[in-house]
Each structure stands twice: as C-alpha cells, then as structure tokens.
Amino acid sequence: MVDFMIEHEGIASERLKAVGYGSSQLKNTENPMAAENRRTEFEVIQ
C-alpha cells in the first residue's frame, strides 16, 4: 500500500510508515482467517 501511495498518489516516502502486526492485533480473535483481520489502516497525523 505504501508503494502504491508513493507511485500513484505522489505522497513523499518520508511521510509514510508501514507497520505489520501479523497475528498480534486481530479484530476477530476467534477466526484468525476472517476477512476483517486482513486490512490496511491509516492514521492521519497533522
């Protein structure tokens, strides 16, 4: 997603940071393969 935003949206790479949490922060802990666990979240900081 970061590469897409840099290449297609023109956002400077130094303004983005990707963090992967793997299985440590599941939305649905009862079903690790649930769709809601496969997501991208953005935090906007001004």
C-alpha atoms as a PDB file:
ATOM      1  CA  MET A   1       0.000   0.000   0.000  1.00  0.00           C
ATOM      2  CA  VAL A   2       2.858   2.393   0.788  1.00  0.00           C
ATOM      3  CA  ASP A   3       4.384   1.803  -2.665  1.00  0.00           C
ATOM      4  CA  PHE A   4       1.024   2.496  -4.301  1.00  0.00           C
ATOM      5  CA  MET A   5       0.589   5.767  -2.410  1.00  0.00           C
ATOM      6  CA  ILE A   6       4.098   6.890  -3.345  1.00  0.00           C
ATOM      7  CA  GLU A   7       3.862   5.914  -7.018  1.00  0.00           C
ATOM      8  CA  HIS A   8       0.234   6.753  -7.804  1.00  0.00           C
ATOM      9  CA  GLU A   9      -0.729   9.417  -5.290  1.00  0.00           C
ATOM     10  CA  GLY A  10       2.555  11.332  -5.209  1.00  0.00           C
ATOM     11  CA  ILE A  11       2.983  11.191  -1.442  1.00  0.00           C
ATOM     12  CA  ALA A  12       6.613  11.585  -0.345  1.00  0.00           C
ATOM     13  CA  SER A  13       8.049   8.354   1.041  1.00  0.00           C
ATOM     14  CA  GLU A  14       9.378  10.074   4.169  1.00  0.00           C
ATOM     15  CA  ARG A  15       5.779  10.924   5.105  1.00  0.00           C
ATOM     16  CA  LEU A  16       4.681   7.267   5.230  1.00  0.00           C
ATOM     17  CA  LYS A  17       5.496   4.379   7.508  1.00  0.00           C
ATOM     18  CA  ALA A  18       4.256   0.815   7.161  1.00  0.00           C
ATOM     19  CA  VAL A  19       3.899  -1.367  10.255  1.00  0.00           C
ATOM     20  CA  GLY A  20       2.877  -5.017  10.143  1.00  0.00           C
ATOM     21  CA  TYR A  21       1.329  -6.564  13.229  1.00  0.00           C
ATOM     22  CA  GLY A  22       0.675 -10.047  11.877  1.00  0.00           C
ATOM     23  CA  SER A  23      -1.457 -12.040  14.282  1.00  0.00           C
ATOM     24  CA  SER A  24      -0.780  -9.812  17.296  1.00  0.00           C
ATOM     25  CA  GLN A  25      -3.700  -7.395  16.732  1.00  0.00           C
ATOM     26  CA  LEU A  26      -6.582  -9.368  15.253  1.00  0.00           C
ATOM     27  CA  LYS A  27     -10.032  -7.805  15.013  1.00  0.00           C
ATOM     28  CA  ASN A  28     -11.611 -11.275  15.132  1.00  0.00           C
ATOM     29  CA  THR A  29      -9.578 -13.450  17.501  1.00  0.00           C
ATOM     30  CA  GLU A  30     -11.959 -16.407  17.209  1.00  0.00           C
ATOM     31  CA  ASN A  31     -11.319 -16.737  13.462  1.00  0.00           C
ATOM     32  CA  PRO A  32      -7.782 -15.662  12.517  1.00  0.00           C
ATOM     33  CA  MET A  33      -8.596 -16.125   8.808  1.00  0.00           C
ATOM     34  CA  ALA A  34     -11.638 -13.798   8.948  1.00  0.00           C
ATOM     35  CA  ALA A  35     -11.805 -11.021   6.358  1.00  0.00           C
ATOM     36  CA  GLU A  36     -11.730  -8.277   8.991  1.00  0.00           C
ATOM     37  CA  ASN A  37      -8.258  -9.449  10.011  1.00  0.00           C
ATOM     38  CA  ARG A  38      -6.900  -8.706   6.526  1.00  0.00           C
ATOM     39  CA  ARG A  39      -6.911  -4.952   6.463  1.00  0.00           C
ATOM     40  CA  THR A  40      -4.994  -1.756   5.967  1.00  0.00           C
ATOM     41  CA  GLU A  41      -5.474   1.027   8.477  1.00  0.00           C
ATOM     42  CA  PHE A  42      -4.369   4.633   8.146  1.00  0.00           C
ATOM     43  CA  GLU A  43      -3.662   7.102  10.906  1.00  0.00           C
ATOM     44  CA  VAL A  44      -3.688  10.729   9.789  1.00  0.00           C
ATOM     45  CA  ILE A  45      -1.378  12.976  11.784  1.00  0.00           C
ATOM     46  CA  GLN A  46      -1.438  16.701  11.192  1.00  0.00           C
END
